[in-house]
Amino acid sequence: MTWQSKEPPKRRDPLRPAIGFLLLLVVGGFSILIAPAGVNWLETTHLTVGAWGWQILPIVFPPWPALVKQGIVALLVFVIAFTVLMVVMLAVMKPPMGEADVSLHEVRARKGTRRRRR
């Protein structure tokens, strides 16, 4: 009968959800600050595409209050910025280790201790 020691479970970082919430707040604040300039740009810029002369900008908003226009633009900016941020974070961050995952360093250390015992 072999004796195996069980390692205590690793504690998760309690600040990880707080960092995610902070990122949401920063992206939301950025989108709210950019919204008035975005509405102005969408209403005043002239942009046509291709030989057909399709006019993309300026956008003519319905007669809504300025706050509604800014809210819509802020929501669009937030969705685009958050999507880009998440793609970058997923590309940069390492995946979390599951219960079955073991680091190569631990395997080598255990193998070295087994050889020393013999």
Foldseek 3Di string as FASTA:
>chain_A
DDDDDDDDDDDDDPCVVVVVVVVLVVLLVVLLVCLVVVLVCLAPDWDFDDPVGHTDDNDDDDPDDPVVSSVVSSVVSSVVVVVVVVVVCVVPDDDDDDPPDDDPVVVVVVVVVVVVVD
